[in-house]
C-alpha cells in the first residue's frame, strides 16, 4: 500500500501512529553494513516491536536482511509462527517450566540459566521427537539473571547429557554501555563472557554462537559484535542515549520509524483568570480569552500524565502548549491560532519545520525514549506507510 492510500485510512481516526517501514528497513541495512563479516543481525521485535507492531515490523526486518527475530516471550513467538513466519526466533526472556511443551512446538531458540527448565524442555522435546536449541545466559555484571561463570561448564554438561536439547550459544547482557563514556565495565563483562566461552571449549564443548551486543554495543564497542548483534532501539530510528547520538550521529543516519498523530476536537474559550482541567492547575493569564482544543488521547493511551502543563504538541506546524492535567482519555492544548475540528495534531513526529521526537517527549517526562514508544496503547491504530 502506498503512503497516500495508507493515510487515507486516518480520516475517521481520532488518533493513530504512522509506521514508516521503509525507514525501518533503511536503519537495519545501515546497521548491517557496520557489522563484522560473518556477524549475524537479530532484529529485536519484543514488546510489540517497541510499540511499532510485531508482525509488520518482523516481516520488514526480514525483508531488510535480518538473520533472525528476537522476542521476549513465547506468546510473541507463537504469534509470529501463526502468521507464517519461518525464520529463526530467539526468545530472550524467561520461560516457565510449564511452558516447555509450547516452546518445543513453537520451534524457537531459548535462553536458559535454570537447570530445571532444561530438564522440562528435554522431556517435552523427546516426547515430540524434537531438538530445542539453547543459549546459556552467563551472569557477568548486570545481576539480573544468569549462570555464574564458575558453573558454566557444569551447566553445559547437564545440557549435553540430555536428549532433546542442544547447546547453540552463549550470551550475556551489558549493564551500562550506552551510559558510560569509558566503557570499562562493558569490557570487563565482555572479558567474562569470553572467559566462559574458553572454559567451554577447553572442556570439549562446541559453542556455535557467542553474543552480547545490543545496538549500542555494536556501534560503540565493535569488538563486542562477536557472532551476533541483537539490534533493538536503533532499528526503530532512535539512539539509546544522548551521548551516543552525539558520538555517532555524523556516521549513521537513523530515521525515526514512528509518528503519533491525533485530530483536534473543539474546546472552549477560557477567560483570563479561569482554570483549565482537573485540579485547576493551569490558569489563563491576562488578555483576551484563549480557545482550547481537545485531543482524544490521555494517559490510558500512553500520553503520559507527567506531560500535564509540560511541553507542547504541534498543530498546523505550530507549537500548541499543553494546558492543565492530562486526563485518562483527553488532553487540552492551546493552538496559537484558530484551527478547525479534525485538524491534525502531532504528538511525536514532524509537522512542517517543527518536530517533536521521542527524546523530547522523554525529557518532558523524566523518562527514556524506549518507554515512550513502547507504551503507546495498542488500541491506537498503527498505519503502515
Protein backbone atom coordinates (compact mmCIF):
# COMPACT_ATOMS: atom_id res chain seq x y z
CA UNK A 1 0.00 0.00 0.00
CA UNK A 2 1.44 3.40 -0.94
CA UNK A 3 1.69 6.23 1.56
CA UNK A 4 -1.32 8.20 0.27
CA UNK A 5 -3.61 5.18 0.36
CA UNK A 6 -2.40 4.27 3.83
CA UNK A 7 -3.01 7.76 5.20
CA UNK A 8 -6.50 7.81 3.69
CA UNK A 9 -7.34 5.34 6.44
CA UNK A 10 -6.83 8.05 9.07
CA UNK A 11 -9.70 10.36 8.13
CA UNK A 12 -12.07 8.71 10.60
CA UNK A 13 -9.50 8.08 13.32
CA UNK A 14 -9.20 10.34 16.39
CA UNK A 15 -5.60 9.18 16.85
CA UNK A 16 -3.11 6.89 15.11
CA UNK A 17 0.56 6.07 14.73
CA UNK A 18 2.25 6.17 11.34
CA UNK A 19 4.89 3.46 10.98
CA UNK A 20 7.40 4.07 8.20
CA UNK A 21 8.58 0.58 7.25
CA UNK A 22 10.95 1.99 4.64
CA UNK A 23 12.76 3.82 7.43
CA UNK A 24 12.93 0.62 9.46
CA UNK A 25 14.43 -1.27 6.54
CA UNK A 26 16.94 1.52 5.93
CA UNK A 27 18.01 1.55 9.58
CA UNK A 28 18.56 -2.20 9.54
CA UNK A 29 20.60 -2.09 6.36
CA UNK A 30 22.77 0.72 7.76
CA UNK A 31 23.42 -1.25 10.94
CA UNK A 32 24.15 -4.41 8.98
CA UNK A 33 26.75 -2.55 6.92
CA UNK A 34 28.69 -1.80 10.11
CA UNK A 35 28.89 -5.39 11.31
CA UNK A 36 31.96 -7.59 11.04
CA UNK A 37 31.97 -10.24 8.29
CA UNK A 38 30.03 -13.28 9.44
CA UNK A 39 28.26 -11.44 12.26
CA UNK A 40 24.51 -12.10 12.18
CA UNK A 41 21.91 -9.42 12.83
CA UNK A 42 18.99 -10.29 15.07
CA UNK A 43 16.10 -7.82 14.88
CA UNK A 44 14.59 -7.27 18.32
CA UNK A 45 10.82 -7.13 17.90
CA UNK A 46 9.86 -7.72 21.52
CA UNK A 47 7.26 -5.53 23.25
CA UNK A 48 5.16 -5.44 20.06
CA UNK A 49 8.26 -4.27 18.18
CA UNK A 50 8.79 -1.49 20.72
CA UNK A 51 5.20 -0.41 20.14
CA UNK A 52 5.50 -0.33 16.35
CA UNK A 53 3.58 -3.56 15.62
CA UNK A 54 5.06 -7.04 15.90
CA UNK A 55 4.16 -8.80 12.67
CA UNK A 56 4.59 -5.97 10.10
CA UNK A 57 7.93 -4.95 11.63
CA UNK A 58 9.13 -8.55 11.79
CA UNK A 59 8.34 -9.03 8.10
CA UNK A 60 10.03 -5.74 7.17
CA UNK A 61 13.11 -6.64 9.22
CA UNK A 62 13.49 -9.95 7.43
CA UNK A 63 12.97 -8.22 4.08
CA UNK A 64 15.83 -5.86 5.00
CA UNK A 65 18.19 -8.75 5.65
CA UNK A 66 17.83 -9.53 9.36
CA UNK A 67 19.01 -13.08 10.01
CA UNK A 68 16.64 -13.84 12.87
CA UNK A 69 13.95 -12.33 15.07
CA UNK A 70 14.26 -11.73 18.80
CA UNK A 71 11.23 -11.66 21.10
CA UNK A 72 10.79 -11.53 24.85
CA UNK A 73 8.37 -14.38 25.42
CA UNK A 74 6.68 -17.36 23.88
CA UNK A 75 3.40 -15.56 23.23
CA UNK A 76 5.16 -13.24 20.78
CA UNK A 77 6.93 -16.17 19.14
CA UNK A 78 3.64 -18.03 18.71
CA UNK A 79 2.04 -15.00 17.04
CA UNK A 80 4.87 -14.90 14.51
CA UNK A 81 4.60 -18.62 13.82
CA UNK A 82 0.81 -18.36 13.46
CA UNK A 83 1.37 -15.61 10.88
CA UNK A 84 3.53 -17.98 8.86
CA UNK A 85 6.99 -16.62 9.66
CA UNK A 86 9.51 -19.46 9.48
CA UNK A 87 12.71 -17.55 10.33
CA UNK A 88 14.72 -18.41 13.42
CA UNK A 89 13.14 -16.91 16.53
CA UNK A 90 15.21 -16.32 19.64
CA UNK A 91 13.30 -15.87 22.92
CA UNK A 92 15.42 -13.63 25.14
CA UNK A 93 13.10 -13.52 28.16
CA UNK A 94 12.15 -16.03 30.85
CA UNK A 95 10.19 -19.19 30.06
CA UNK A 96 8.24 -21.15 32.66
CA UNK A 97 8.89 -24.85 33.10
CA UNK A 98 5.18 -25.35 32.48
CA UNK A 99 5.65 -23.77 29.02
CA UNK A 100 8.18 -26.37 27.89
CA UNK A 101 5.80 -28.19 25.55
CA UNK A 102 4.71 -24.90 23.96
CA UNK A 103 8.34 -23.89 23.46
CA UNK A 104 9.10 -27.17 21.72
CA UNK A 105 6.04 -26.93 19.48
CA UNK A 106 6.80 -23.31 18.57
CA UNK A 107 10.29 -24.20 17.38
CA UNK A 108 12.37 -21.45 18.95
CA UNK A 109 15.83 -20.91 20.42
CA UNK A 110 15.75 -20.23 24.15
CA UNK A 111 17.93 -18.50 26.73
CA UNK A 112 18.41 -20.71 29.80
CA UNK A 113 20.05 -20.44 33.20
CA UNK A 114 17.73 -22.78 35.14
CA UNK A 115 18.60 -26.49 35.19
CA UNK A 116 15.00 -27.38 35.99
CA UNK A 117 13.81 -25.68 32.81
CA UNK A 118 16.41 -27.59 30.79
CA UNK A 119 15.05 -30.86 32.19
CA UNK A 120 11.45 -29.89 31.35
CA UNK A 121 12.44 -28.87 27.82
CA UNK A 122 14.37 -32.10 27.29
CA UNK A 123 11.42 -34.23 28.34
CA UNK A 124 8.97 -32.28 26.17
CA UNK A 125 11.31 -32.39 23.17
CA UNK A 126 11.99 -36.13 23.41
CA UNK A 127 8.26 -36.81 23.65
CA UNK A 128 7.75 -34.91 20.40
CA UNK A 129 10.86 -36.04 18.56
CA UNK A 130 12.33 -32.53 18.52
CA UNK A 131 15.55 -30.72 19.44
CA UNK A 132 15.49 -27.40 21.32
CA UNK A 133 18.48 -25.04 20.74
CA UNK A 134 19.63 -23.43 23.99
CA UNK A 135 21.74 -20.36 24.72
CA UNK A 136 23.36 -20.30 28.15
CA UNK A 137 22.97 -16.93 29.89
CA UNK A 138 26.15 -16.01 31.78
CA UNK A 139 25.98 -13.54 34.67
CA UNK A 140 28.75 -11.02 34.03
CA UNK A 141 27.65 -7.95 35.98
CA UNK A 142 24.07 -6.95 35.21
CA UNK A 143 22.94 -9.13 38.15
CA UNK A 144 19.51 -9.89 36.78
CA UNK A 145 19.61 -13.50 35.55
CA UNK A 146 22.36 -15.87 34.56
CA UNK A 147 24.80 -18.65 35.36
CA UNK A 148 27.85 -17.88 37.48
CA UNK A 149 30.99 -18.21 35.39
CA UNK A 150 32.34 -20.98 37.63
CA UNK A 151 29.16 -23.00 37.00
CA UNK A 152 29.05 -22.67 33.21
CA UNK A 153 30.93 -25.88 32.37
CA UNK A 154 28.79 -27.96 34.73
CA UNK A 155 25.62 -26.41 33.27
CA UNK A 156 26.80 -27.24 29.75
CA UNK A 157 27.46 -30.81 30.90
CA UNK A 158 23.86 -31.10 32.10
CA UNK A 159 22.63 -29.88 28.71
CA UNK A 160 24.87 -32.23 26.74
CA UNK A 161 23.83 -35.23 28.86
CA UNK A 162 20.17 -34.83 27.93
CA UNK A 163 18.45 -35.82 24.73
CA UNK A 164 16.14 -33.26 23.13
CA UNK A 165 18.26 -30.18 23.90
CA UNK A 166 21.46 -28.87 22.35
CA UNK A 167 23.90 -26.09 23.13
CA UNK A 168 23.56 -23.42 20.43
CA UNK A 169 25.03 -20.37 22.07
CA UNK A 170 26.45 -18.42 24.98
CA UNK A 171 25.18 -14.96 25.88
CA UNK A 172 25.21 -12.10 28.35
CA UNK A 173 23.79 -8.58 28.59
CA UNK A 174 25.68 -5.32 29.15
CA UNK A 175 24.71 -3.21 32.15
CA UNK A 176 25.72 0.36 31.29
CA UNK A 177 27.43 0.53 27.93
CA UNK A 178 25.37 3.34 26.40
CA UNK A 179 25.51 5.38 29.63
CA UNK A 180 29.25 5.18 30.19
CA UNK A 181 32.00 7.11 28.45
CA UNK A 182 34.93 4.85 29.35
CA UNK A 183 33.11 1.52 28.72
CA UNK A 184 35.43 -0.12 31.22
CA UNK A 185 32.67 -2.15 32.87
CA UNK A 186 31.35 -3.31 29.50
CA UNK A 187 34.82 -4.50 28.56
CA UNK A 188 35.03 -6.38 31.85
CA UNK A 189 31.70 -8.06 31.10
CA UNK A 190 32.87 -8.97 27.61
CA UNK A 191 36.06 -10.48 29.04
CA UNK A 192 33.97 -12.58 31.45
CA UNK A 193 31.86 -13.88 28.56
CA UNK A 194 34.93 -14.74 26.52
CA UNK A 195 36.42 -16.48 29.56
CA UNK A 196 33.26 -18.57 29.88
CA UNK A 197 33.45 -19.48 26.21
CA UNK A 198 37.09 -20.51 26.52
CA UNK A 199 36.28 -22.70 29.51
CA UNK A 200 33.60 -24.49 27.50
CA UNK A 201 35.93 -25.02 24.54
CA UNK A 202 38.67 -26.39 26.80
CA UNK A 203 36.11 -28.74 28.36
CA UNK A 204 35.31 -30.08 24.89
CA UNK A 205 32.05 -28.27 24.16
CA UNK A 206 31.25 -26.64 20.83
CA UNK A 207 29.83 -23.12 21.14
CA UNK A 208 28.35 -22.21 17.73
CA UNK A 209 27.30 -18.67 18.70
CA UNK A 210 28.56 -16.22 21.31
CA UNK A 211 26.78 -12.88 21.58
CA UNK A 212 26.31 -9.91 23.87
CA UNK A 213 25.87 -6.78 21.74
CA UNK A 214 22.78 -4.62 21.55
CA UNK A 215 22.50 -1.75 19.07
CA UNK A 216 24.62 0.41 21.36
CA UNK A 217 27.32 -2.19 21.89
CA UNK A 218 27.54 -3.00 18.20
CA UNK A 219 28.31 0.64 17.41
CA UNK A 220 30.28 1.77 20.46
CA UNK A 221 32.28 -1.39 21.14
CA UNK A 222 32.86 -3.17 17.81
CA UNK A 223 34.83 -5.99 19.44
CA UNK A 224 31.59 -6.96 21.21
CA UNK A 225 29.86 -7.84 17.93
CA UNK A 226 31.14 -11.45 18.14
CA UNK A 227 28.85 -13.87 16.26
CA UNK A 228 25.57 -11.94 16.51
CA UNK A 229 24.19 -8.50 17.31
CA UNK A 230 20.78 -8.07 18.93
CA UNK A 231 19.66 -4.82 17.29
CA UNK A 232 16.75 -3.15 19.05
CA UNK A 233 16.14 0.57 19.52
CA UNK A 234 18.36 1.68 16.64
CA UNK A 235 16.34 -0.20 14.04
CA UNK A 236 13.39 1.98 15.04
CA UNK A 237 15.49 5.07 14.32
CA UNK A 238 16.28 6.14 17.88
CA UNK A 239 19.55 6.45 19.77
CA UNK A 240 19.93 4.59 23.08
CA UNK A 241 21.38 7.69 24.75
CA UNK A 242 22.08 11.35 24.05
CA UNK A 243 25.81 10.76 24.44
CA UNK A 244 25.69 8.03 21.84
CA UNK A 245 23.76 10.26 19.45
CA UNK A 246 26.40 12.97 19.77
CA UNK A 247 29.20 10.49 19.18
CA UNK A 248 27.76 8.61 16.21
CA UNK A 249 25.04 10.66 14.51
CA UNK A 250 27.56 12.01 12.00
CA UNK A 251 28.42 8.48 10.90
CA UNK A 252 24.98 6.88 10.88
CA UNK A 253 21.71 8.44 9.72
CA UNK A 254 18.94 6.79 11.68
CA UNK A 255 15.40 7.71 10.66
CA UNK A 256 12.61 7.56 13.27
CA UNK A 257 10.03 4.99 12.24
CA UNK A 258 7.07 6.11 14.38
CA UNK A 259 4.99 9.28 14.31
CA UNK A 260 1.97 9.78 16.57
CA UNK A 261 -0.93 11.95 15.41
CA UNK A 262 -4.33 12.95 16.77
CA UNK A 263 -7.20 15.04 15.47
CA UNK A 264 -8.34 18.22 17.17
CA UNK A 265 -11.79 18.40 18.77
CA UNK A 266 -13.39 21.77 19.62
CA UNK A 267 -12.69 23.13 23.08
CA UNK A 268 -13.98 26.17 24.92
CA UNK A 269 -12.77 29.76 25.12
CA UNK A 270 -11.28 30.37 28.56
CA UNK A 271 -11.26 33.88 30.02
CA UNK A 272 -8.40 35.46 31.94
CA UNK A 273 -8.20 34.06 35.46
CA UNK A 274 -10.21 30.95 34.65
CA UNK A 275 -8.71 27.49 35.01
CA UNK A 276 -8.40 24.51 32.68
CA UNK A 277 -8.92 20.88 33.61
CA UNK A 278 -8.85 18.75 36.74
CA UNK A 279 -7.28 20.24 39.84
CA UNK A 280 -7.37 23.72 38.27
CA UNK A 281 -3.60 23.52 37.76
CA UNK A 282 -3.49 25.97 34.86
CA UNK A 283 -4.99 29.48 34.90
CA UNK A 284 -5.27 31.71 31.86
CA UNK A 285 -3.25 34.90 32.15
CA UNK A 286 -4.31 38.44 31.39
CA UNK A 287 -5.55 39.30 27.95
CA UNK A 288 -8.22 38.03 25.60
CA UNK A 289 -9.94 34.69 26.04
CA UNK A 290 -7.90 31.74 24.78
CA UNK A 291 -9.56 28.91 22.96
CA UNK A 292 -8.51 25.44 23.97
CA UNK A 293 -8.53 22.40 21.71
CA UNK A 294 -9.10 18.84 22.89
CA UNK A 295 -7.23 15.71 21.83
CA UNK A 296 -8.89 12.35 22.37
CA UNK A 297 -5.78 10.83 23.97
CA UNK A 298 -4.71 10.70 27.59
CA UNK A 299 -2.62 8.68 29.96
CA UNK A 300 -4.56 5.49 29.14
CA UNK A 301 -3.36 5.82 25.55
CA UNK A 302 0.23 6.45 26.65
CA UNK A 303 0.17 10.26 26.65
CA UNK A 304 1.89 10.41 30.00
CA UNK A 305 0.25 12.30 32.87
CA UNK A 306 3.64 13.85 33.59
CA UNK A 307 3.06 15.88 30.43
CA UNK A 308 0.46 17.92 32.34
CA UNK A 309 1.26 21.61 31.74
CA UNK A 310 4.56 20.47 30.23
CA UNK A 311 5.77 20.78 26.66
CA UNK A 312 3.61 21.06 23.59
CA UNK A 313 2.18 19.29 20.57
CA UNK A 314 2.27 20.57 17.01
CA UNK A 315 -0.90 21.83 15.33
CA UNK A 316 -0.73 23.07 11.75
CA UNK A 317 3.05 23.28 12.06
CA UNK A 318 2.95 25.44 15.19
CA UNK A 319 3.56 24.68 18.84
CA UNK A 320 0.43 24.25 20.93
CA UNK A 321 1.25 24.15 24.67
CA UNK A 322 -0.43 21.54 26.86
CA UNK A 323 -2.82 23.16 29.32
CA UNK A 324 -3.97 21.55 32.54
CA UNK A 325 -3.73 17.97 33.61
CA UNK A 326 -3.64 15.10 31.16
CA UNK A 327 -6.90 13.18 31.62
CA UNK A 328 -7.47 9.45 31.23
CA UNK A 329 -8.62 9.79 27.61
CA UNK A 330 -8.33 13.51 26.81
CA UNK A 331 -5.79 16.30 26.79
CA UNK A 332 -6.19 20.04 26.33
CA UNK A 333 -3.85 22.15 24.22
CA UNK A 334 -3.79 25.79 23.19
CA UNK A 335 -3.14 26.34 19.47
CA UNK A 336 -1.61 29.75 18.65
CA UNK A 337 -4.36 30.40 16.11
CA UNK A 338 -7.87 29.20 15.37
CA UNK A 339 -7.96 25.66 13.98
CA UNK A 340 -10.92 23.69 12.74
CA UNK A 341 -12.22 20.38 14.07
CA UNK A 342 -10.30 17.46 12.61
CA UNK A 343 -7.05 19.37 12.18
CA UNK A 344 -4.12 17.03 12.72
CA UNK A 345 -2.01 17.43 15.84
CA UNK A 346 1.41 15.79 16.08
CA UNK A 347 2.38 14.26 19.41
CA UNK A 348 5.56 12.62 18.12
CA UNK A 349 6.98 13.36 14.69
CA UNK A 350 7.46 16.18 12.23
CA UNK A 351 4.98 18.83 11.10
CA UNK A 352 6.45 21.31 8.66
CA UNK A 353 9.67 22.74 10.08
CA UNK A 354 8.82 21.66 13.61
CA UNK A 355 9.49 18.28 15.19
CA UNK A 356 8.76 16.53 18.47
CA UNK A 357 10.96 13.50 18.91
CA UNK A 358 10.52 10.61 21.30
CA UNK A 359 13.56 12.07 23.06
CA UNK A 360 11.77 15.40 23.58
CA UNK A 361 8.77 13.51 24.97
CA UNK A 362 11.07 11.53 27.27
CA UNK A 363 12.78 14.69 28.55
CA UNK A 364 9.40 16.22 29.42
CA UNK A 365 8.52 13.14 31.49
CA UNK A 366 11.93 12.34 33.03
CA UNK A 367 11.89 9.03 31.17
CA UNK A 368 13.62 7.37 28.20
CA UNK A 369 12.65 7.06 24.56
CA UNK A 370 12.30 3.27 24.93
CA UNK A 371 9.42 3.76 27.36
CA UNK A 372 7.70 6.48 25.36
CA UNK A 373 7.30 4.49 22.14
CA UNK A 374 6.63 1.11 23.72
CA UNK A 375 3.84 2.42 25.97
CA UNK A 376 1.62 3.89 23.25
CA UNK A 377 -1.50 1.81 23.75
CA UNK A 378 -2.20 -0.97 21.24
CA UNK A 379 -5.71 0.42 20.77
CA UNK A 380 -4.15 3.33 18.87
CA UNK A 381 -4.15 2.05 15.26
CA UNK A 382 -0.80 1.61 13.57
CA UNK A 383 -0.89 2.73 9.95
CA UNK A 384 1.96 1.32 7.86
CA UNK A 385 3.33 3.68 5.24
